[in-house]
PDB file of N, CA and C in Angstrom:
ATOM      1  N   UNK A   1     102.031  94.718 119.901  1.00  0.00           N
ATOM      2  CA  UNK A   1     102.960  93.914 120.014  1.00  0.00           C
ATOM      3  C   UNK A   1     103.978  93.975 119.708  1.00  0.00           C
ATOM      4  N   UNK A   2     104.989  93.219 120.402  1.00  0.00           N
ATOM      5  CA  UNK A   2     106.424  93.643 120.031  1.00  0.00           C
ATOM      6  C   UNK A   2     106.847  91.851 119.397  1.00  0.00           C
ATOM      7  N   UNK A   3     107.244  91.772 117.963  1.00  0.00           N
ATOM      8  CA  UNK A   3     107.914  90.993 117.515  1.00  0.00           C
ATOM      9  C   UNK A   3     109.136  90.453 117.683  1.00  0.00           C
ATOM     10  N   UNK A   4     109.943  90.090 118.110  1.00  0.00           N
ATOM     11  CA  UNK A   4     111.178  89.680 118.499  1.00  0.00           C
ATOM     12  C   UNK A   4     111.289  88.657 117.441  1.00  0.00           C
ATOM     13  N   UNK A   5     112.391  88.713 116.341  1.00  0.00           N
ATOM     14  CA  UNK A   5     112.551  87.318 115.224  1.00  0.00           C
ATOM     15  C   UNK A   5     114.158  87.340 115.798  1.00  0.00           C
ATOM     16  N   UNK A   6     114.617  85.902 116.340  1.00  0.00           N
ATOM     17  CA  UNK A   6     115.564  85.495 116.173  1.00  0.00           C
ATOM     18  C   UNK A   6     116.591  84.537 115.475  1.00  0.00           C
ATOM     19  N   UNK A   7     115.688  84.713 114.410  1.00  0.00           N
ATOM     20  CA  UNK A   7     115.815  83.584 112.980  1.00  0.00           C
ATOM     21  C   UNK A   7     117.287  84.905 112.252  1.00  0.00           C
ATOM     22  N   UNK A   8     118.454  83.846 111.996  1.00  0.00           N
ATOM     23  CA  UNK A   8     118.955  84.390 111.417  1.00  0.00           C
ATOM     24  C   UNK A   8     119.263  83.451 109.497  1.00  0.00           C
ATOM     25  N   UNK A   9     120.350  84.076 108.697  1.00  0.00           N
ATOM     26  CA  UNK A   9     120.382  83.053 107.513  1.00  0.00           C
ATOM     27  C   UNK A   9     120.686  81.582 108.386  1.00  0.00           C
ATOM     28  N   UNK A  10     121.682  81.691 109.106  1.00  0.00           N
ATOM     29  CA  UNK A  10     122.275  80.736 109.404  1.00  0.00           C
ATOM     30  C   UNK A  10     121.243  79.681 110.237  1.00  0.00           C
ATOM     31  N   UNK A  11     120.849  80.364 110.963  1.00  0.00           N
ATOM     32  CA  UNK A  11     119.885  79.335 111.498  1.00  0.00           C
ATOM     33  C   UNK A  11     118.910  78.665 110.852  1.00  0.00           C
ATOM     34  N   UNK A  12     118.473  79.470 109.813  1.00  0.00           N
ATOM     35  CA  UNK A  12     117.430  78.997 108.913  1.00  0.00           C
ATOM     36  C   UNK A  12     117.518  78.152 108.039  1.00  0.00           C
ATOM     37  N   UNK A  13     119.197  78.104 107.261  1.00  0.00           N
ATOM     38  CA  UNK A  13     119.263  76.875 106.806  1.00  0.00           C
ATOM     39  C   UNK A  13     119.798  75.570 107.688  1.00  0.00           C
ATOM     40  N   UNK A  14     120.252  75.921 108.337  1.00  0.00           N
ATOM     41  CA  UNK A  14     120.482  74.803 109.643  1.00  0.00           C
ATOM     42  C   UNK A  14     119.000  74.246 109.828  1.00  0.00           C
ATOM     43  N   UNK A  15     117.671  74.748 109.845  1.00  0.00           N
ATOM     44  CA  UNK A  15     116.289  74.188 110.193  1.00  0.00           C
ATOM     45  C   UNK A  15     115.633  73.670 108.854  1.00  0.00           C
ATOM     46  N   UNK A  16     116.360  74.270 107.352  1.00  0.00           N
ATOM     47  CA  UNK A  16     115.781  73.693 106.436  1.00  0.00           C
ATOM     48  C   UNK A  16     116.330  72.723 106.243  1.00  0.00           C
ATOM     49  N   UNK A  17     118.003  72.638 106.275  1.00  0.00           N
ATOM     50  CA  UNK A  17     118.472  71.186 106.054  1.00  0.00           C
ATOM     51  C   UNK A  17     118.005  69.910 107.141  1.00  0.00           C
ATOM     52  N   UNK A  18     118.079  70.365 108.405  1.00  0.00           N
ATOM     53  CA  UNK A  18     117.507  69.464 108.933  1.00  0.00           C
ATOM     54  C   UNK A  18     116.021  68.287 108.725  1.00  0.00           C
ATOM     55  N   UNK A  19     115.207  69.689 108.378  1.00  0.00           N
ATOM     56  CA  UNK A  19     113.619  69.061 108.329  1.00  0.00           C
ATOM     57  C   UNK A  19     113.812  68.596 106.956  1.00  0.00           C
ATOM     58  N   UNK A  20     114.560  68.901 105.744  1.00  0.00           N
ATOM     59  CA  UNK A  20     114.094  68.015 104.759  1.00  0.00           C
ATOM     60  C   UNK A  20     114.980  67.009 104.906  1.00  0.00           C
ATOM     61  N   UNK A  21     116.011  66.909 105.519  1.00  0.00           N
ATOM     62  CA  UNK A  21     116.393  65.265 106.035  1.00  0.00           C
ATOM     63  C   UNK A  21     115.349  64.425 106.930  1.00  0.00           C
ATOM     64  N   UNK A  22     114.772  65.306 107.654  1.00  0.00           N
ATOM     65  CA  UNK A  22     113.617  64.064 108.437  1.00  0.00           C
ATOM     66  C   UNK A  22     112.275  63.866 107.625  1.00  0.00           C
ATOM     67  N   UNK A  23     112.402  64.993 106.388  1.00  0.00           N
ATOM     68  CA  UNK A  23     111.224  64.414 105.658  1.00  0.00           C
ATOM     69  C   UNK A  23     111.661  63.163 104.519  1.00  0.00           C
ATOM     70  N   UNK A  24     112.898  63.365 104.067  1.00  0.00           N
ATOM     71  CA  UNK A  24     113.235  62.394 103.399  1.00  0.00           C
ATOM     72  C   UNK A  24     113.337  60.924 104.215  1.00  0.00           C
ATOM     73  N   UNK A  25     113.419  60.793 105.158  1.00  0.00           N
ATOM     74  CA  UNK A  25     113.758  59.630 106.168  1.00  0.00           C
ATOM     75  C   UNK A  25     112.221  59.083 106.250  1.00  0.00           C
ATOM     76  N   UNK A  26     111.196  60.651 107.179  1.00  0.00           N
ATOM     77  CA  UNK A  26     110.016  59.629 106.959  1.00  0.00           C
ATOM     78  C   UNK A  26     109.463  59.039 105.851  1.00  0.00           C
ATOM     79  N   UNK A  27     110.147  59.934 104.538  1.00  0.00           N
ATOM     80  CA  UNK A  27     109.221  58.801 103.253  1.00  0.00           C
ATOM     81  C   UNK A  27     110.379  58.117 102.747  1.00  0.00           C
ATOM     82  N   UNK A  28     111.006  57.272 103.770  1.00  0.00           N
ATOM     83  CA  UNK A  28     111.795  56.577 103.920  1.00  0.00           C
ATOM     84  C   UNK A  28     112.569  56.211 102.297  1.00  0.00           C
ATOM     85  N   UNK A  29     112.828  57.211 102.150  1.00  0.00           N
ATOM     86  CA  UNK A  29     113.737  57.761 100.762  1.00  0.00           C
ATOM     87  C   UNK A  29     115.113  57.712 100.690  1.00  0.00           C
ATOM     88  N   UNK A  30     116.245  57.038 100.189  1.00  0.00           N
ATOM     89  CA  UNK A  30     117.712  57.041 100.720  1.00  0.00           C
ATOM     90  C   UNK A  30     118.120  58.471  99.838  1.00  0.00           C
ATOM     91  N   UNK A  31     119.099  58.851 100.179  1.00  0.00           N
ATOM     92  CA  UNK A  31     120.071  60.079  99.619  1.00  0.00           C
ATOM     93  C   UNK A  31     119.881  60.079  97.566  1.00  0.00           C
ATOM     94  N   UNK A  32     120.115  59.107  97.471  1.00  0.00           N
ATOM     95  CA  UNK A  32     120.363  58.400  96.056  1.00  0.00           C
ATOM     96  C   UNK A  32     118.695  57.929  95.282  1.00  0.00           C
ATOM     97  N   UNK A  33     118.058  57.297  96.270  1.00  0.00           N
ATOM     98  CA  UNK A  33     116.150  58.048  95.582  1.00  0.00           C
ATOM     99  C   UNK A  33     115.765  59.053  95.696  1.00  0.00           C
ATOM    100  N   UNK A  34     116.365  59.893  96.743  1.00  0.00           N
ATOM    101  CA  UNK A  34     115.738  61.605  96.605  1.00  0.00           C
ATOM    102  C   UNK A  34     115.909  61.723  95.341  1.00  0.00           C
ATOM    103  N   UNK A  35     117.346  61.955  95.014  1.00  0.00           N
ATOM    104  CA  UNK A  35     118.424  62.782  93.936  1.00  0.00           C
ATOM    105  C   UNK A  35     117.885  62.097  93.076  1.00  0.00           C
ATOM    106  N   UNK A  36     117.068  60.876  92.518  1.00  0.00           N
ATOM    107  CA  UNK A  36     116.849  60.224  91.293  1.00  0.00           C
ATOM    108  C   UNK A  36     115.357  61.032  91.027  1.00  0.00           C
ATOM    109  N   UNK A  37     114.834  60.506  91.854  1.00  0.00           N
ATOM    110  CA  UNK A  37     112.949  61.326  91.529  1.00  0.00           C
ATOM    111  C   UNK A  37     113.151  62.894  91.912  1.00  0.00           C
ATOM    112  N   UNK A  38     114.094  63.668  92.066  1.00  0.00           N
ATOM    113  CA  UNK A  38     113.924  65.174  92.399  1.00  0.00           C
ATOM    114  C   UNK A  38     114.561  65.779  90.879  1.00  0.00           C
ATOM    115  N   UNK A  39     115.570  64.887  90.006  1.00  0.00           N
ATOM    116  CA  UNK A  39     116.628  65.596  89.471  1.00  0.00           C
ATOM    117  C   UNK A  39     117.541  66.453  89.686  1.00  0.00           C
ATOM    118  N   UNK A  40     117.720  66.156  91.550  1.00  0.00           N
ATOM    119  CA  UNK A  40     118.876  66.799  91.477  1.00  0.00           C
ATOM    120  C   UNK A  40     120.033  65.954  91.958  1.00  0.00           C
ATOM    121  N   UNK A  41     121.086  66.387  91.537  1.00  0.00           N
ATOM    122  CA  UNK A  41     122.838  65.119  91.693  1.00  0.00           C
ATOM    123  C   UNK A  41     122.896  65.366  93.101  1.00  0.00           C
ATOM    124  N   UNK A  42     123.098  63.576  93.293  1.00  0.00           N
ATOM    125  CA  UNK A  42     123.393  63.110  94.972  1.00  0.00           C
ATOM    126  C   UNK A  42     124.521  64.386  95.214  1.00  0.00           C
ATOM    127  N   UNK A  43     125.374  64.306  94.718  1.00  0.00           N
ATOM    128  CA  UNK A  43     126.573  65.545  95.142  1.00  0.00           C
ATOM    129  C   UNK A  43     125.983  66.824  95.938  1.00  0.00           C
ATOM    130  N   UNK A  44     124.995  67.210  95.087  1.00  0.00           N
ATOM    131  CA  UNK A  44     124.387  68.252  95.525  1.00  0.00           C
ATOM    132  C   UNK A  44     123.160  67.836  96.879  1.00  0.00           C
ATOM    133  N   UNK A  45     122.662  67.103  96.857  1.00  0.00           N
ATOM    134  CA  UNK A  45     121.811  66.618  97.767  1.00  0.00           C
ATOM    135  C   UNK A  45     122.744  66.505  99.072  1.00  0.00           C
ATOM    136  N   UNK A  46     123.961  65.808  98.914  1.00  0.00           N
ATOM    137  CA  UNK A  46     124.953  65.557 100.067  1.00  0.00           C
ATOM    138  C   UNK A  46     125.160  66.704 100.792  1.00  0.00           C
ATOM    139  N   UNK A  47     125.518  67.673  99.912  1.00  0.00           N
ATOM    140  CA  UNK A  47     126.050  68.866  99.777  1.00  0.00           C
ATOM    141  C   UNK A  47     125.217  69.812 101.141  1.00  0.00           C
ATOM    142  N   UNK A  48     123.766  69.335 100.658  1.00  0.00           N
ATOM    143  CA  UNK A  48     122.593  70.470 101.004  1.00  0.00           C
ATOM    144  C   UNK A  48     122.869  70.187 102.671  1.00  0.00           C
ATOM    145  N   UNK A  49     122.760  68.251 102.311  1.00  0.00           N
ATOM    146  CA  UNK A  49     122.210  68.169 103.846  1.00  0.00           C
ATOM    147  C   UNK A  49     123.316  67.947 104.997  1.00  0.00           C
ATOM    148  N   UNK A  50     124.687  68.371 104.371  1.00  0.00           N
ATOM    149  CA  UNK A  50     125.782  68.718 105.191  1.00  0.00           C
ATOM    150  C   UNK A  50     126.507  70.074 105.357  1.00  0.00           C
ATOM    151  N   UNK A  51     126.225  70.700 104.831  1.00  0.00           N
ATOM    152  CA  UNK A  51     126.398  72.085 104.562  1.00  0.00           C
ATOM    153  C   UNK A  51     125.047  73.322 104.659  1.00  0.00           C
ATOM    154  N   UNK A  52     124.136  72.823 103.698  1.00  0.00           N
ATOM    155  CA  UNK A  52     122.925  73.917 103.753  1.00  0.00           C
ATOM    156  C   UNK A  52     123.496  74.224 102.589  1.00  0.00           C
ATOM    157  N   UNK A  53     124.399  74.127 101.813  1.00  0.00           N
ATOM    158  CA  UNK A  53     124.285  74.747 100.546  1.00  0.00           C
ATOM    159  C   UNK A  53     123.853  73.977  99.543  1.00  0.00           C
ATOM    160  N   UNK A  54     122.852  74.720  98.560  1.00  0.00           N
ATOM    161  CA  UNK A  54     121.814  74.259  97.705  1.00  0.00           C
ATOM    162  C   UNK A  54     121.448  75.212  97.192  1.00  0.00           C
ATOM    163  N   UNK A  55     121.457  75.307  95.406  1.00  0.00           N
ATOM    164  CA  UNK A  55     121.121  76.094  94.766  1.00  0.00           C
ATOM    165  C   UNK A  55     119.045  76.338  95.125  1.00  0.00           C
ATOM    166  N   UNK A  56     118.607  77.621  94.849  1.00  0.00           N
ATOM    167  CA  UNK A  56     117.145  77.685  95.154  1.00  0.00           C
ATOM    168  C   UNK A  56     116.300  76.659  94.107  1.00  0.00           C
ATOM    169  N   UNK A  57     116.989  76.610  92.938  1.00  0.00           N
ATOM    170  CA  UNK A  57     115.950  75.627  91.882  1.00  0.00           C
ATOM    171  C   UNK A  57     116.215  74.330  92.458  1.00  0.00           C
ATOM    172  N   UNK A  58     117.113  73.857  92.894  1.00  0.00           N
ATOM    173  CA  UNK A  58     117.172  72.674  93.001  1.00  0.00           C
ATOM    174  C   UNK A  58     116.329  72.305  94.804  1.00  0.00           C
ATOM    175  N   UNK A  59     116.195  73.153  95.219  1.00  0.00           N
ATOM    176  CA  UNK A  59     115.474  73.141  96.878  1.00  0.00           C
ATOM    177  C   UNK A  59     114.619  72.775  96.342  1.00  0.00           C
ATOM    178  N   UNK A  60     113.802  73.552  95.459  1.00  0.00           N
ATOM    179  CA  UNK A  60     112.775  73.577  95.055  1.00  0.00           C
ATOM    180  C   UNK A  60     112.185  72.623  94.247  1.00  0.00           C
ATOM    181  N   UNK A  61     113.007  71.754  93.864  1.00  0.00           N
ATOM    182  CA  UNK A  61     112.723  70.258  93.010  1.00  0.00           C
ATOM    183  C   UNK A  61     112.823  69.317  94.066  1.00  0.00           C
ATOM    184  N   UNK A  62     113.699  69.416  95.554  1.00  0.00           N
ATOM    185  CA  UNK A  62     113.587  68.189  96.620  1.00  0.00           C
ATOM    186  C   UNK A  62     112.484  68.232  97.126  1.00  0.00           C
ATOM    187  N   UNK A  63     111.777  69.843  97.184  1.00  0.00           N
ATOM    188  CA  UNK A  63     110.302  69.969  98.055  1.00  0.00           C
ATOM    189  C   UNK A  63     109.369  69.725  97.198  1.00  0.00           C
ATOM    190  N   UNK A  64     109.520  69.232  95.823  1.00  0.00           N
ATOM    191  CA  UNK A  64     107.964  68.758  95.161  1.00  0.00           C
ATOM    192  C   UNK A  64     108.084  67.492  95.886  1.00  0.00           C
ATOM    193  N   UNK A  65     109.073  67.076  95.547  1.00  0.00           N
ATOM    194  CA  UNK A  65     109.084  65.197  95.762  1.00  0.00           C
ATOM    195  C   UNK A  65     108.867  65.041  97.598  1.00  0.00           C
ATOM    196  N   UNK A  66     109.188  65.692  98.167  1.00  0.00           N
ATOM    197  CA  UNK A  66     108.780  65.734  99.694  1.00  0.00           C
ATOM    198  C   UNK A  66     107.795  66.381  99.869  1.00  0.00           C
ATOM    199  N   UNK A  67     106.852  66.771  98.997  1.00  0.00           N
ATOM    200  CA  UNK A  67     105.367  67.504  99.154  1.00  0.00           C
ATOM    201  C   UNK A  67     105.431  68.574 100.309  1.00  0.00           C
ATOM    202  N   UNK A  68     105.812  69.194  99.972  1.00  0.00           N
ATOM    203  CA  UNK A  68     106.011  70.515 100.385  1.00  0.00           C
ATOM    204  C   UNK A  68     106.605  71.910  99.705  1.00  0.00           C
ATOM    205  N   UNK A  69     106.581  71.622  98.579  1.00  0.00           N
ATOM    206  CA  UNK A  69     106.998  72.590  97.571  1.00  0.00           C
ATOM    207  C   UNK A  69     105.830  74.047  98.017  1.00  0.00           C
ATOM    208  N   UNK A  70     104.662  73.980  98.234  1.00  0.00           N
ATOM    209  CA  UNK A  70     103.440  74.595  98.154  1.00  0.00           C
ATOM    210  C   UNK A  70     103.676  75.434  99.482  1.00  0.00           C
ATOM    211  N   UNK A  71     104.535  75.203 100.638  1.00  0.00           N
ATOM    212  CA  UNK A  71     104.708  76.019 101.892  1.00  0.00           C
ATOM    213  C   UNK A  71     105.747  77.205 101.280  1.00  0.00           C
ATOM    214  N   UNK A  72     106.594  77.301 100.204  1.00  0.00           N
ATOM    215  CA  UNK A  72     106.887  78.470  99.422  1.00  0.00           C
ATOM    216  C   UNK A  72     106.672  79.254  98.982  1.00  0.00           C
ATOM    217  N   UNK A  73     105.205  78.755  98.746  1.00  0.00           N
ATOM    218  CA  UNK A  73     104.010  79.658  98.200  1.00  0.00           C
ATOM    219  C   UNK A  73     103.865  80.973  98.688  1.00  0.00           C
ATOM    220  N   UNK A  74     104.225  80.865 100.396  1.00  0.00           N
ATOM    221  CA  UNK A  74     103.706  82.225 100.985  1.00  0.00           C
ATOM    222  C   UNK A  74     105.242  83.215 101.482  1.00  0.00           C
ATOM    223  N   UNK A  75     105.841  82.859 101.091  1.00  0.00           N
ATOM    224  CA  UNK A  75     107.289  83.827 101.420  1.00  0.00           C
ATOM    225  C   UNK A  75     107.253  84.735 100.536  1.00  0.00           C
ATOM    226  N   UNK A  76     107.004  86.129 101.307  1.00  0.00           N
ATOM    227  CA  UNK A  76     107.389  87.530 100.928  1.00  0.00           C
ATOM    228  C   UNK A  76     105.376  87.459 100.536  1.00  0.00           C
ATOM    229  N   UNK A  77     104.788  87.022 101.158  1.00  0.00           N
ATOM    230  CA  UNK A  77     103.501  87.309 101.224  1.00  0.00           C
ATOM    231  C   UNK A  77     103.539  88.791 101.616  1.00  0.00           C
ATOM    232  N   UNK A  78     102.648  89.944 101.623  1.00  0.00           N
ATOM    233  CA  UNK A  78     102.378  91.092 102.165  1.00  0.00           C
ATOM    234  C   UNK A  78     101.549  90.155 103.793  1.00  0.00           C
ATOM    235  N   UNK A  79     102.012  91.291 104.957  1.00  0.00           N
ATOM    236  CA  UNK A  79     101.221  90.794 105.998  1.00  0.00           C
ATOM    237  C   UNK A  79     100.056  91.547 106.439  1.00  0.00           C
ATOM    238  N   UNK A  80      98.770  91.246 107.120  1.00  0.00           N
ATOM    239  CA  UNK A  80      98.276  91.982 107.297  1.00  0.00           C
ATOM    240  C   UNK A  80      98.823  92.841 108.104  1.00  0.00           C
ATOM    241  N   UNK A  81      98.131  94.480 108.184  1.00  0.00           N
ATOM    242  CA  UNK A  81      98.817  95.458 109.499  1.00  0.00           C
ATOM    243  C   UNK A  81      97.819  95.088 110.575  1.00  0.00           C
ATOM    244  N   UNK A  82      98.233  95.264 111.510  1.00  0.00           N
ATOM    245  CA  UNK A  82      97.970  94.535 113.019  1.00  0.00           C
ATOM    246  C   UNK A  82      97.599  95.905 113.813  1.00  0.00           C
ATOM    247  N   UNK A  83      96.561  96.532 114.097  1.00  0.00           N
ATOM    248  CA  UNK A  83      96.806  97.838 115.145  1.00  0.00           C
ATOM    249  C   UNK A  83      95.722  97.547 116.516  1.00  0.00           C
ATOM    250  N   UNK A  84      96.781  98.495 117.437  1.00  0.00           N
ATOM    251  CA  UNK A  84      96.254  98.030 118.688  1.00  0.00           C
ATOM    252  C   UNK A  84      95.904  98.856 119.459  1.00  0.00           C
ATOM    253  N   UNK A  85      95.532 100.236 118.758  1.00  0.00           N
ATOM    254  CA  UNK A  85      95.120 101.389 119.284  1.00  0.00           C
ATOM    255  C   UNK A  85      94.395 102.177 118.008  1.00  0.00           C
ATOM    256  N   UNK A  86      93.520 103.598 118.579  1.00  0.00           N
ATOM    257  CA  UNK A  86      93.157 103.921 117.489  1.00  0.00           C
ATOM    258  C   UNK A  86      94.312 104.983 116.841  1.00  0.00           C
ATOM    259  N   UNK A  87      95.317 105.679 117.555  1.00  0.00           N
ATOM    260  CA  UNK A  87      96.155 105.852 116.785  1.00  0.00           C
ATOM    261  C   UNK A  87      96.897 104.827 115.969  1.00  0.00           C
ATOM    262  N   UNK A  88      97.387 104.259 116.168  1.00  0.00           N
ATOM    263  CA  UNK A  88      97.739 103.671 115.311  1.00  0.00           C
ATOM    264  C   UNK A  88      96.955 103.244 113.805  1.00  0.00           C
ATOM    265  N   UNK A  89      95.714 103.130 114.495  1.00  0.00           N
ATOM    266  CA  UNK A  89      95.007 102.838 112.890  1.00  0.00           C
ATOM    267  C   UNK A  89      94.584 103.836 112.134  1.00  0.00           C
ATOM    268  N   UNK A  90      94.656 105.356 112.693  1.00  0.00           N
ATOM    269  CA  UNK A  90      94.588 106.410 112.112  1.00  0.00           C
ATOM    270  C   UNK A  90      95.921 106.605 111.123  1.00  0.00           C
ATOM    271  N   UNK A  91      97.313 106.073 111.975  1.00  0.00           N
ATOM    272  CA  UNK A  91      98.511 106.617 111.390  1.00  0.00           C
ATOM    273  C   UNK A  91      98.577 105.426 110.283  1.00  0.00           C
ATOM    274  N   UNK A  92      98.137 104.239 110.281  1.00  0.00           N
ATOM    275  CA  UNK A  92      97.830 102.963 109.195  1.00  0.00           C
ATOM    276  C   UNK A  92      97.522 103.558 108.006  1.00  0.00           C
ATOM    277  N   UNK A  93      96.123 104.415 108.384  1.00  0.00           N
ATOM    278  CA  UNK A  93      95.076 104.647 107.399  1.00  0.00           C
ATOM    279  C   UNK A  93      95.856 105.514 106.106  1.00  0.00           C
ATOM    280  N   UNK A  94      96.713 106.457 106.817  1.00  0.00           N
ATOM    281  CA  UNK A  94      97.201 107.699 106.384  1.00  0.00           C
ATOM    282  C   UNK A  94      98.612 107.526 105.621  1.00  0.00           C
ATOM    283  N   UNK A  95      98.783 106.342 105.414  1.00  0.00           N
ATOM    284  CA  UNK A  95     100.452 105.951 104.580  1.00  0.00           C
ATOM    285  C   UNK A  95      99.456 105.377 103.248  1.00  0.00           C
ATOM    286  N   UNK A  96     100.877 106.325 102.466  1.00  0.00           N
ATOM    287  CA  UNK A  96     100.433 106.446 101.150  1.00  0.00           C
ATOM    288  C   UNK A  96     100.737 104.759 100.843  1.00  0.00           C
ATOM    289  N   UNK A  97     100.439 104.656  99.595  1.00  0.00           N
ATOM    290  CA  UNK A  97     100.039 103.344  98.571  1.00  0.00           C
ATOM    291  C   UNK A  97     101.365 102.798  98.491  1.00  0.00           C
ATOM    292  N   UNK A  98     101.612 101.485  98.282  1.00  0.00           N
ATOM    293  CA  UNK A  98     102.686 100.873  98.277  1.00  0.00           C
ATOM    294  C   UNK A  98     103.212 101.151  96.864  1.00  0.00           C
ATOM    295  N   UNK A  99     104.139 101.751  96.555  1.00  0.00           N
ATOM    296  CA  UNK A  99     104.905 102.056  94.909  1.00  0.00           C
ATOM    297  C   UNK A  99     105.425 100.604  94.406  1.00  0.00           C
ATOM    298  N   UNK A 100     105.216 100.895  93.147  1.00  0.00           N
ATOM    299  CA  UNK A 100     105.407 100.068  92.047  1.00  0.00           C
ATOM    300  C   UNK A 100     106.548  99.981  91.799  1.00  0.00           C
ATOM    301  N   UNK A 101     107.750 100.653  92.055  1.00  0.00           N
ATOM    302  CA  UNK A 101     108.922 100.658  92.191  1.00  0.00           C
ATOM    303  C   UNK A 101     109.619 101.144  93.261  1.00  0.00           C
ATOM    304  N   UNK A 102     110.947 100.530  93.601  1.00  0.00           N
ATOM    305  CA  UNK A 102     111.848 100.784  94.425  1.00  0.00           C
ATOM    306  C   UNK A 102     112.798 102.293  94.072  1.00  0.00           C
ATOM    307  N   UNK A 103     113.114 102.844  94.675  1.00  0.00           N
ATOM    308  CA  UNK A 103     114.480 104.111  94.544  1.00  0.00           C
ATOM    309  C   UNK A 103     115.624 103.619  95.158  1.00  0.00           C
ATOM    310  N   UNK A 104     116.673 104.247  93.972  1.00  0.00           N
ATOM    311  CA  UNK A 104     118.274 103.959  94.254  1.00  0.00           C
ATOM    312  C   UNK A 104     118.629 104.586  95.489  1.00  0.00           C
ATOM    313  N   UNK A 105     119.113 104.187  96.476  1.00  0.00           N
ATOM    314  CA  UNK A 105     119.387 104.861  97.516  1.00  0.00           C
ATOM    315  C   UNK A 105     121.044 105.010  97.948  1.00  0.00           C
TER     316      UNK A 105
END
């Protein structure tokens, strides 16, 4: 199965900032109210909703208040290997185990 990913960092930033703003509004919070509840400065929140720029820590603080922090736990999880033929199955079972360390390239 062909998996085409059309997401880019820029498009993901746009999506996240839009979803966070929608979630804030659905919880009937003002920017100031969300800033106060999360501990993120009002300026940082305004910058995030405007340009998408925010630190990871501040993003996670906002996610906690907006009740979506658990959504971040699946990021970078290993994915199950899907096979569609016996040849693919043989190839995946003969692959070496995942290394614990990377190497310099």
